[in-house]
Amino acid sequence: MTDPFQKKTSRFLKKLFTFAGTRNKKMQKGSMDMDTIKQMVRGIMTTRADEIDCAECFEQLDQFVELVLAGKNISDAMPLVQHHLEHCPDCKEEFEVLLKALRSIT
């Protein structure tokens, strides 16, 4: 069963993209381009009610990396951290640096 909010949001986005597509040629210098708008909308659409912020992610990053190195199923063990890393390039970079550092010494 489809969530009514998601259904309304999808219709709104479809209308927005149609309207923006017709207006794209008229967008003035300095305004957001369509790629930026689409990226923002995708971010909104993939937001979870139980998300963690960057500080919470950072606090759990060492444990998350240890699970990755141990070959554990991280989507079951730490789904919120995994979701955050999939959507936050800054935290993902921190994760990759820590993972690379630990791999180099093991």
Foldseek 3Di string as FASTA:
>chain_A
DDDPVLVVLVVVVVVVCVVCVVCQVVDDPPDDHPVVVVLVSVVVSLDDPDADDPVVLVVCLVVLLVCVVVVHDCCVVPVRSVSVLVNDVVSVVVSVVVNVVVVVVD
